[in-house]
N, C-alpha and C. Protein backbone atom coordinates (compact mmCIF):
# COMPACT_ATOMS: atom_id res chain seq x y z
N LYS A 1 154.29 78.55 -122.81
CA LYS A 1 153.42 78.68 -124.34
C LYS A 1 154.28 77.62 -125.40
N GLN A 2 153.58 77.39 -126.40
CA GLN A 2 154.00 76.55 -127.07
C GLN A 2 155.28 77.13 -127.87
N TRP A 3 155.90 76.60 -128.58
CA TRP A 3 157.08 77.46 -129.51
C TRP A 3 156.01 77.62 -130.79
N TYR A 4 154.94 77.34 -131.00
CA TYR A 4 154.45 77.68 -132.28
C TYR A 4 153.91 78.89 -132.30
N GLN A 5 153.48 79.63 -131.09
CA GLN A 5 152.62 80.81 -130.72
C GLN A 5 153.66 81.56 -130.40
N ARG A 6 154.95 81.46 -130.12
CA ARG A 6 155.93 82.38 -130.01
C ARG A 6 156.36 83.03 -131.12
N ARG A 7 156.43 81.81 -132.36
CA ARG A 7 156.74 82.19 -133.72
C ARG A 7 155.48 83.08 -134.45
N VAL A 8 154.46 82.89 -134.30
CA VAL A 8 153.45 83.60 -134.55
C VAL A 8 153.19 85.11 -133.95
N ARG A 9 153.84 85.01 -132.89
CA ARG A 9 153.74 86.46 -132.40
C ARG A 9 154.91 87.36 -133.13
N GLY A 10 155.84 86.52 -133.33
CA GLY A 10 157.23 87.38 -133.96
C GLY A 10 156.60 87.70 -135.56
N ALA A 11 155.92 86.92 -136.26
CA ALA A 11 155.67 87.12 -137.75
C ALA A 11 154.64 88.63 -137.42
N TYR A 12 153.65 88.67 -136.27
CA TYR A 12 153.10 90.19 -136.88
C TYR A 12 153.62 91.35 -136.26
N VAL A 13 154.55 90.84 -135.75
CA VAL A 13 155.73 92.07 -135.51
C VAL A 13 156.55 92.46 -136.50
N GLY A 14 156.82 91.51 -137.58
CA GLY A 14 157.44 91.53 -138.89
C GLY A 14 156.54 92.50 -139.77
N PHE A 15 155.39 92.06 -139.23
CA PHE A 15 154.25 92.74 -140.03
C PHE A 15 154.34 94.06 -140.03
N LEU A 16 154.51 94.67 -138.66
CA LEU A 16 155.01 96.19 -138.58
C LEU A 16 155.90 96.84 -139.02
N SER A 17 157.20 95.87 -138.85
CA SER A 17 158.27 96.58 -139.67
C SER A 17 158.42 96.56 -141.08
N TRP A 18 157.67 95.59 -141.37
CA TRP A 18 157.41 95.76 -143.15
C TRP A 18 156.61 97.17 -143.19
N PHE A 19 155.59 97.40 -142.65
CA PHE A 19 154.79 98.65 -142.83
C PHE A 19 155.93 99.82 -142.68
N TRP A 20 156.45 99.79 -141.71
CA TRP A 20 157.42 100.87 -141.64
C TRP A 20 158.54 101.08 -142.86
N TRP A 21 159.11 99.90 -143.35
CA TRP A 21 160.10 99.47 -144.68
C TRP A 21 159.07 100.30 -145.25
N GLY A 22 157.96 100.24 -145.60
CA GLY A 22 157.37 100.47 -147.05
C GLY A 22 157.50 101.78 -146.93
N ILE A 23 156.89 102.76 -145.63
CA ILE A 23 156.46 104.17 -145.89
C ILE A 23 158.37 104.71 -146.33
N CYS A 24 159.17 104.02 -145.85
CA CYS A 24 160.54 104.39 -146.34
C CYS A 24 160.63 104.11 -147.90
N PHE A 25 160.55 103.13 -148.25
CA PHE A 25 160.04 102.79 -149.84
C PHE A 25 159.59 104.08 -150.69
N LEU A 26 158.57 104.24 -150.12
CA LEU A 26 157.77 105.16 -150.68
C LEU A 26 158.37 106.33 -150.73
N ALA A 27 159.00 106.72 -149.77
CA ALA A 27 159.93 108.00 -149.66
C ALA A 27 160.52 108.20 -150.98
N VAL A 28 161.15 107.61 -151.66
CA VAL A 28 161.63 107.88 -152.67
C VAL A 28 161.59 108.38 -153.82
N PRO A 29 160.28 107.91 -154.26
CA PRO A 29 159.60 108.37 -155.35
C PRO A 29 159.06 109.54 -155.10
N VAL A 30 158.26 109.43 -154.12
CA VAL A 30 157.47 111.05 -153.22
C VAL A 30 158.63 112.31 -153.44
N LEU A 31 159.60 112.11 -152.97
CA LEU A 31 160.97 113.14 -152.55
C LEU A 31 161.40 113.35 -154.07
N ARG A 32 161.59 112.54 -154.80
CA ARG A 32 161.91 112.94 -156.17
C ARG A 32 161.08 113.52 -156.84
N TRP A 33 159.60 113.53 -156.88
CA TRP A 33 158.82 114.36 -157.20
C TRP A 33 158.45 115.36 -157.05
N LYS A 34 158.56 115.66 -155.29
CA LYS A 34 158.22 117.20 -154.53
C LYS A 34 159.47 117.97 -154.67
N LEU A 35 160.97 117.23 -154.36
CA LEU A 35 162.07 117.96 -154.84
C LEU A 35 162.74 117.52 -155.70
N PRO A 36 162.83 118.01 -156.86
CA PRO A 36 163.27 117.13 -158.03
C PRO A 36 164.67 117.89 -158.21
N PHE A 37 165.19 118.81 -157.87
CA PHE A 37 166.28 119.74 -157.71
C PHE A 37 167.23 119.70 -156.73
N CYS A 38 166.75 118.60 -155.62
CA CYS A 38 167.63 118.94 -154.67
C CYS A 38 168.96 117.64 -154.60
N PRO A 39 169.89 118.16 -154.31
CA PRO A 39 171.06 117.32 -154.45
C PRO A 39 170.94 115.87 -153.55
N ARG A 40 171.28 114.90 -154.48
CA ARG A 40 171.24 113.39 -153.54
C ARG A 40 172.72 113.13 -153.81
N GLN A 41 173.24 112.38 -152.84
CA GLN A 41 174.32 111.49 -153.01
C GLN A 41 174.61 110.48 -153.82
N PHE A 42 173.46 109.70 -154.00
CA PHE A 42 173.42 108.71 -155.16
C PHE A 42 172.11 108.82 -155.60
N ARG A 43 171.77 107.96 -156.65
CA ARG A 43 170.19 108.12 -157.09
C ARG A 43 169.82 106.48 -157.52
N VAL A 44 168.34 106.15 -157.24
CA VAL A 44 168.11 104.55 -157.49
C VAL A 44 167.57 104.62 -158.78
N ASN A 45 167.28 103.56 -159.19
CA ASN A 45 166.39 103.45 -160.58
C ASN A 45 165.24 103.49 -159.64
N LEU A 46 164.28 104.34 -160.43
CA LEU A 46 162.53 104.10 -159.72
C LEU A 46 161.98 102.88 -159.59
N LEU A 47 162.48 101.97 -160.20
CA LEU A 47 161.75 100.57 -160.38
C LEU A 47 162.08 99.68 -159.07
N ILE A 48 163.60 99.88 -158.73
CA ILE A 48 163.24 99.36 -157.35
C ILE A 48 162.44 100.07 -155.97
N PRO A 49 162.32 101.43 -155.76
CA PRO A 49 160.88 101.43 -154.87
C PRO A 49 159.89 100.84 -155.28
N VAL A 50 159.68 100.83 -156.63
CA VAL A 50 158.37 100.53 -156.79
C VAL A 50 158.02 99.33 -156.32
N ILE A 51 159.02 98.52 -156.95
CA ILE A 51 158.81 96.96 -156.33
C ILE A 51 158.83 96.88 -155.16
N ALA A 52 159.85 97.28 -154.43
CA ALA A 52 159.74 97.33 -152.94
C ALA A 52 158.44 97.63 -152.21
N VAL A 53 157.69 98.63 -152.80
CA VAL A 53 156.41 99.20 -152.15
C VAL A 53 155.61 98.05 -152.41
N THR A 54 155.70 97.55 -153.79
CA THR A 54 154.52 96.80 -154.21
C THR A 54 154.90 95.46 -153.04
N SER A 55 156.02 95.09 -152.93
CA SER A 55 156.27 93.70 -151.82
C SER A 55 155.64 93.95 -150.37
N THR A 56 156.22 95.28 -150.16
CA THR A 56 155.56 95.43 -148.93
C THR A 56 154.22 95.64 -148.30
N VAL A 57 153.49 95.95 -149.47
CA VAL A 57 152.28 96.01 -149.58
C VAL A 57 151.26 95.07 -149.43
N TYR A 58 151.97 94.08 -150.25
CA TYR A 58 151.82 92.40 -150.23
C TYR A 58 151.95 91.77 -148.69
N LEU A 59 153.15 92.40 -148.35
CA LEU A 59 153.38 91.72 -146.97
C LEU A 59 152.78 92.47 -145.83
N VAL A 60 152.04 93.35 -146.02
CA VAL A 60 151.10 94.04 -144.89
C VAL A 60 150.07 93.61 -144.84
N ILE A 61 149.55 93.55 -145.93
CA ILE A 61 147.93 93.51 -146.72
C ILE A 61 147.53 92.07 -145.84
N GLY A 62 148.73 90.88 -146.45
CA GLY A 62 148.88 89.40 -146.37
C GLY A 62 147.90 88.74 -145.25
N PRO A 63 148.57 89.38 -143.93
CA PRO A 63 148.36 88.78 -142.62
C PRO A 63 146.83 89.26 -142.20
N PHE A 64 146.56 90.11 -142.78
CA PHE A 64 145.12 90.23 -142.69
C PHE A 64 143.94 89.33 -143.17
N PHE A 65 144.18 88.90 -143.85
CA PHE A 65 143.63 87.94 -144.74
C PHE A 65 143.68 86.38 -143.56
N VAL A 66 144.88 86.32 -143.30
CA VAL A 66 145.02 85.08 -142.64
C VAL A 66 144.19 85.40 -141.12
N ASN A 67 144.65 86.30 -140.38
CA ASN A 67 144.24 86.27 -138.89
C ASN A 67 144.39 87.86 -138.68
N PRO A 68 143.22 88.73 -139.02
CA PRO A 68 143.14 90.24 -138.58
C PRO A 68 143.32 90.56 -137.19
N LEU A 69 142.83 89.73 -136.48
CA LEU A 69 142.81 90.00 -134.84
C LEU A 69 144.14 90.25 -134.28
N PRO A 70 145.21 89.55 -134.65
CA PRO A 70 146.37 90.20 -134.33
C PRO A 70 146.90 91.05 -134.58
N CYS A 71 146.67 91.43 -135.78
CA CYS A 71 147.20 92.75 -136.88
C CYS A 71 146.41 93.69 -136.34
N LEU A 72 145.36 94.07 -135.78
CA LEU A 72 144.66 94.92 -135.54
C LEU A 72 145.29 95.37 -133.99
N ALA A 73 145.53 94.34 -133.49
CA ALA A 73 146.02 94.31 -132.33
C ALA A 73 147.47 94.96 -131.94
N TRP A 74 148.39 94.78 -133.00
CA TRP A 74 149.80 95.13 -132.99
C TRP A 74 149.58 96.84 -133.96
N ILE A 75 148.35 96.97 -134.61
CA ILE A 75 148.22 98.41 -134.73
C ILE A 75 147.75 99.16 -133.69
N ALA A 76 147.06 98.69 -132.90
CA ALA A 76 146.59 99.49 -131.66
C ALA A 76 147.84 99.58 -130.89
N VAL A 77 148.64 98.80 -130.48
CA VAL A 77 150.31 99.05 -129.55
C VAL A 77 150.41 99.65 -130.52
N THR A 78 150.68 100.02 -131.95
CA THR A 78 151.78 101.25 -132.32
C THR A 78 151.02 102.47 -132.32
N LEU A 79 149.69 102.25 -132.39
CA LEU A 79 149.19 103.76 -131.92
C LEU A 79 149.11 104.46 -130.58
N LEU A 80 149.53 103.39 -129.74
CA LEU A 80 149.47 104.14 -128.30
C LEU A 80 150.94 104.83 -128.28
N GLY A 81 151.69 104.89 -129.00
CA GLY A 81 152.78 105.40 -129.29
C GLY A 81 152.68 107.10 -129.23
N VAL A 82 151.42 107.09 -130.28
CA VAL A 82 151.28 108.54 -130.43
C VAL A 82 151.37 109.41 -129.43
N PRO A 83 150.32 109.03 -128.50
CA PRO A 83 149.90 110.02 -127.12
C PRO A 83 151.48 109.66 -126.19
N ILE A 84 152.29 108.71 -126.13
CA ILE A 84 153.43 108.38 -125.55
C ILE A 84 154.55 109.61 -126.40
N TYR A 85 154.47 109.73 -127.42
CA TYR A 85 155.26 110.91 -128.02
C TYR A 85 154.94 112.08 -127.69
N TYR A 86 153.77 112.54 -127.71
CA TYR A 86 153.47 113.90 -127.69
C TYR A 86 153.59 113.72 -126.07
N GLY A 87 153.56 113.28 -125.27
CA GLY A 87 153.28 113.18 -123.95
C GLY A 87 154.52 113.75 -123.25
N PHE A 88 155.60 112.96 -123.88
CA PHE A 88 156.76 112.86 -123.18
C PHE A 88 158.15 113.41 -123.91
N ALA A 89 158.12 113.33 -125.27
CA ALA A 89 159.28 113.64 -126.17
C ALA A 89 158.90 115.10 -127.05
N ASP A 90 157.42 115.29 -127.02
CA ASP A 90 157.36 116.55 -127.82
C ASP A 90 157.70 117.85 -127.11
N GLU A 91 158.89 118.56 -128.17
CA GLU A 91 159.64 119.75 -127.24
C GLU A 91 158.32 120.93 -127.00
N ASP A 92 157.29 121.25 -127.79
CA ASP A 92 156.75 122.31 -127.64
C ASP A 92 155.66 122.29 -126.58
N ASN A 93 155.55 121.00 -126.28
CA ASN A 93 154.73 120.74 -124.63
C ASN A 93 153.15 120.80 -125.23
N THR A 94 152.83 120.14 -126.03
CA THR A 94 151.71 120.15 -126.55
C THR A 94 150.43 119.58 -125.61
N CYS A 95 150.86 118.52 -124.83
CA CYS A 95 150.00 117.72 -124.27
C CYS A 95 149.99 117.59 -123.10
N ASN A 96 150.86 118.93 -122.37
CA ASN A 96 151.01 118.57 -120.92
C ASN A 96 149.92 118.45 -119.81
N LYS A 97 148.84 119.01 -120.48
CA LYS A 97 147.50 119.03 -119.40
C LYS A 97 146.79 117.64 -119.69
N TRP A 98 146.85 116.85 -120.29
CA TRP A 98 146.42 115.62 -120.44
C TRP A 98 147.41 114.49 -119.93
N MET A 99 148.26 114.89 -119.65
CA MET A 99 149.31 113.86 -119.38
C MET A 99 149.67 113.91 -117.96
N ASP A 100 149.41 115.27 -117.36
CA ASP A 100 149.19 115.25 -116.28
C ASP A 100 148.61 114.74 -115.50
N LYS A 101 147.42 114.78 -116.21
CA LYS A 101 145.79 113.88 -115.93
C LYS A 101 146.27 112.23 -115.74
N VAL A 102 146.88 111.85 -116.57
CA VAL A 102 147.21 110.64 -116.75
C VAL A 102 148.09 110.08 -115.83
N ASN A 103 149.14 110.86 -115.62
CA ASN A 103 150.32 110.68 -114.75
C ASN A 103 149.58 110.64 -113.51
N VAL A 104 148.56 111.71 -112.73
CA VAL A 104 147.90 111.52 -111.62
C VAL A 104 147.11 110.16 -111.45
N PHE A 105 146.19 110.05 -112.54
CA PHE A 105 145.33 108.53 -112.44
C PHE A 105 146.48 107.42 -112.39
N LEU A 106 147.26 106.99 -113.15
CA LEU A 106 148.34 106.17 -113.10
C LEU A 106 148.65 105.99 -111.42
N ALA A 107 149.58 107.40 -110.62
CA ALA A 107 149.71 106.99 -109.66
C ALA A 107 148.88 106.78 -108.47
N LYS A 108 147.85 107.00 -108.48
CA LYS A 108 146.68 106.75 -108.00
C LYS A 108 146.54 105.25 -107.78
N ILE A 109 146.37 104.78 -109.13
CA ILE A 109 146.11 103.38 -109.50
C ILE A 109 147.22 102.42 -108.93
N LEU A 110 148.51 102.83 -108.74
CA LEU A 110 149.39 102.00 -108.65
C LEU A 110 150.19 102.50 -107.13
N GLY A 111 149.43 103.38 -106.89
CA GLY A 111 149.96 103.69 -105.10
C GLY A 111 151.15 104.45 -104.91
N ALA A 112 151.58 105.22 -106.27
CA ALA A 112 152.95 105.84 -106.20
C ALA A 112 152.54 107.32 -105.58
N GLU A 113 153.96 108.15 -105.46
CA GLU A 113 153.75 109.55 -105.26
C GLU A 113 154.63 110.05 -105.95
N LEU A 114 154.01 111.17 -106.49
CA LEU A 114 154.47 112.16 -107.70
C LEU A 114 155.17 113.27 -107.03
């Protein structure tokens, strides 16, 4: 592959990381509003997370205007992590039934033994 194709793919991974950073930046004012009396080790001026969230919204929404298809593909890859989490890492075992079916199906396709 050409070097510019690898750089573009990396740019869309950055798009996802900025989305998750934006969620973290947004947590500061939300937690300050929902838990105002919770003890904090340090305080941040609210202007800083507001600027960070605004910048993050620009960095996440911007790639959709340039090329929406790779953005949607990376969002789909990220959403694939939700069933994987509930199937393998969930301590309450909420999805054992369907994950067992997925494991049997994949074992048949790949010719593996369970």
